[in-house]
Protein backbone atom coordinates (compact mmCIF):
# COMPACT_ATOMS: atom_id res chain seq x y z
CA MET A 1 79.97 -94.40 -60.56
CA GLY A 2 76.64 -93.16 -61.87
CA GLY A 3 74.73 -89.95 -62.44
CA SER A 4 75.80 -86.56 -63.72
CA TYR A 5 79.17 -85.01 -63.06
CA PHE A 6 80.39 -81.41 -63.18
CA ASP A 7 81.40 -81.83 -66.85
CA ASP A 8 78.00 -83.21 -67.84
CA LEU A 9 76.09 -80.13 -66.71
CA GLU A 10 75.34 -77.06 -68.82
CA VAL A 11 74.17 -73.66 -67.64
CA GLY A 12 70.42 -73.49 -68.21
CA GLN A 13 69.94 -77.25 -67.99
CA GLU A 14 66.77 -78.14 -66.09
CA PHE A 15 65.85 -81.13 -63.95
CA VAL A 16 62.30 -81.90 -62.78
CA SER A 17 61.59 -84.17 -59.82
CA PRO A 18 58.78 -86.62 -59.33
CA SER A 19 55.81 -85.17 -57.42
CA ARG A 20 54.75 -85.90 -53.86
CA THR A 21 51.65 -85.10 -51.83
CA ILE A 22 52.18 -83.62 -48.37
CA THR A 23 50.33 -85.56 -45.68
CA GLU A 24 49.25 -85.15 -42.09
CA ALA A 25 51.84 -87.80 -41.19
CA ASP A 26 54.61 -85.68 -42.76
CA ILE A 27 53.74 -82.73 -40.52
CA VAL A 28 53.33 -84.82 -37.37
CA ASN A 29 56.60 -86.69 -37.98
CA PHE A 30 58.53 -83.49 -38.74
CA ALA A 31 57.19 -81.87 -35.55
CA GLY A 32 58.42 -84.90 -33.60
CA ILE A 33 61.84 -84.95 -35.21
CA SER A 34 62.45 -81.20 -35.12
CA GLY A 35 60.71 -80.46 -31.82
CA VAL A 36 58.76 -77.62 -33.50
CA TYR A 37 55.20 -78.02 -32.25
CA HIS A 38 54.00 -74.53 -33.15
CA PRO A 39 50.18 -74.58 -33.22
CA ILE A 40 50.05 -73.35 -36.83
CA HIS A 41 51.28 -76.86 -37.68
CA THR A 42 49.74 -78.94 -34.89
CA ASP A 43 46.52 -77.31 -33.63
CA THR A 44 43.52 -77.31 -35.99
CA GLU A 45 41.48 -74.85 -33.92
CA TYR A 46 44.36 -72.40 -33.59
CA ALA A 47 45.16 -72.67 -37.32
CA LYS A 48 41.51 -72.02 -38.29
CA LYS A 49 41.90 -68.53 -36.79
CA SER A 50 45.21 -67.85 -38.56
CA ILE A 51 45.73 -66.08 -41.88
CA PHE A 52 45.95 -69.52 -43.50
CA GLY A 53 42.64 -70.82 -42.13
CA GLU A 54 44.09 -74.28 -41.61
CA ARG A 55 47.26 -76.06 -40.53
CA VAL A 56 50.25 -75.67 -42.83
CA ALA A 57 53.47 -77.61 -43.26
CA HIS A 58 56.67 -76.45 -41.62
CA GLY A 59 58.77 -74.48 -44.13
CA PRO A 60 61.91 -76.51 -43.40
CA LEU A 61 59.90 -79.72 -43.93
CA ILE A 62 59.14 -78.71 -47.52
CA LEU A 63 62.76 -77.66 -48.04
CA SER A 64 63.91 -81.08 -46.83
CA ILE A 65 61.39 -82.91 -49.00
CA SER A 66 62.58 -80.89 -52.01
CA PHE A 67 66.05 -82.37 -51.61
CA GLY A 68 64.58 -85.85 -51.19
CA LEU A 69 62.52 -85.49 -54.37
CA MET A 70 65.57 -84.45 -56.38
CA GLU A 71 67.57 -87.30 -54.85
CA ARG A 72 65.07 -89.73 -56.40
CA LEU A 73 66.47 -88.74 -59.81
CA ALA A 74 69.91 -90.06 -58.72
CA LEU A 75 71.52 -87.19 -60.62
CA PHE A 76 74.59 -86.80 -58.46
CA GLU A 77 74.64 -90.14 -56.69
CA GLU A 78 78.42 -90.48 -56.88
CA ALA A 79 79.39 -86.99 -58.02
CA LEU A 80 78.26 -84.80 -55.14
CA ILE A 81 81.17 -84.21 -52.77
CA ALA A 82 79.61 -81.54 -50.56
CA PHE A 83 76.61 -79.29 -50.12
CA LEU A 84 78.18 -75.81 -49.81
CA SER A 85 75.45 -73.24 -49.33
CA LEU A 86 71.77 -72.40 -49.43
CA ASN A 87 69.88 -69.12 -49.92
CA TRP A 88 66.16 -69.77 -49.48
CA GLU A 89 62.74 -68.06 -49.54
CA PHE A 90 59.41 -69.30 -48.24
CA VAL A 91 56.88 -67.84 -50.70
CA ARG A 92 53.51 -69.53 -50.04
CA PRO A 93 52.18 -71.95 -47.44
CA VAL A 94 51.97 -75.66 -48.21
CA ARG A 95 48.86 -77.35 -46.90
CA ILE A 96 48.00 -80.96 -46.16
CA GLY A 97 47.00 -82.45 -49.52
CA ASP A 98 49.16 -80.15 -51.64
CA THR A 99 51.32 -81.92 -54.18
CA ILE A 100 54.78 -80.50 -54.77
CA THR A 101 57.29 -80.84 -57.58
CA VAL A 102 60.83 -79.47 -57.70
CA VAL A 103 62.59 -77.83 -60.64
CA ASP A 104 66.37 -77.35 -60.48
CA THR A 105 68.15 -75.27 -63.11
CA VAL A 106 71.93 -75.04 -63.47
CA LEU A 107 72.63 -71.36 -62.87
CA GLU A 108 76.42 -71.25 -62.77
CA LYS A 109 79.46 -73.53 -63.03
CA ARG A 110 83.01 -72.76 -62.02
CA GLU A 111 86.16 -74.81 -61.87
CA THR A 112 88.20 -75.02 -58.71
CA ARG A 113 91.95 -75.15 -58.13
CA LYS A 114 91.60 -78.92 -57.88
CA ALA A 115 91.21 -80.49 -61.32
CA ASP A 116 88.96 -83.31 -60.10
CA ARG A 117 86.02 -81.09 -59.03
CA GLY A 118 83.93 -78.02 -59.72
CA VAL A 119 81.31 -75.82 -58.07
CA VAL A 120 77.75 -75.70 -59.41
CA VAL A 121 75.04 -73.23 -58.39
CA PHE A 122 71.45 -74.39 -58.89
CA ASP A 123 68.28 -72.33 -58.94
CA ARG A 124 65.49 -74.32 -57.27
CA GLU A 125 61.75 -73.79 -57.37
CA VAL A 126 59.27 -75.87 -55.40
CA LEU A 127 55.87 -75.78 -57.12
CA ASN A 128 52.46 -76.84 -55.86
CA GLN A 129 49.82 -78.61 -57.93
CA LYS A 130 48.66 -75.23 -59.29
CA LYS A 131 52.21 -74.57 -60.59
CA GLU A 132 52.60 -71.79 -58.01
CA VAL A 133 56.05 -71.30 -56.49
CA VAL A 134 55.82 -72.13 -52.79
CA GLN A 135 59.54 -72.00 -52.02
CA LYS A 136 62.59 -70.99 -54.02
CA GLY A 137 66.24 -70.32 -53.75
CA LYS A 138 69.73 -71.21 -54.76
CA TRP A 139 71.89 -74.03 -53.55
CA THR A 140 75.53 -74.70 -54.27
CA GLY A 141 77.24 -78.06 -54.55
CA LEU A 142 80.78 -79.30 -55.03
CA LEU A 143 80.75 -81.99 -57.72
CA ARG A 144 83.33 -84.42 -59.00
CA ARG A 145 84.47 -84.16 -62.58
CA SER A 146 84.04 -87.28 -64.67
CA GLU A 147 86.94 -89.68 -64.81
CA ARG A 148 87.36 -89.07 -68.53
CA GLN A 149 88.07 -85.38 -67.75
CA GLU A 150 90.48 -86.30 -64.96
CA ASP A 151 92.36 -88.53 -67.40
CA GLY A 152 92.66 -85.65 -69.86
CA GLU A 153 90.15 -86.89 -72.46
């Protein structure tokens, strides 16, 4: 088993993902998968007349990519038992060509009635290339404790 476990995490600990540039293909593929073909995402002429002045990425697309970027760190590869909750805000639009990075900070840890696991609340910020927050929120995961803790070490 690899990665970080409940016991390895400390409140205030920060994790930073690799960066990724959002492409036209990302938006087109997400529209196809989700079935959301709103013209703000898919129609250049319509989007030119919008408050954004151009097409923007679907909010849930960026949310999904944020989890993929953090997954690349393999932090909880074997430790994550379940994704429990999400409280999310869409702060700024993400445009084709924007590069995003994710910062997760351990906000809270609490033990459960079962000795082999604990609940961790993370604060997440998705930043663009200008270091502006484009999305943010909190997500909660159920993580395994390390085997050394289970054995009483």
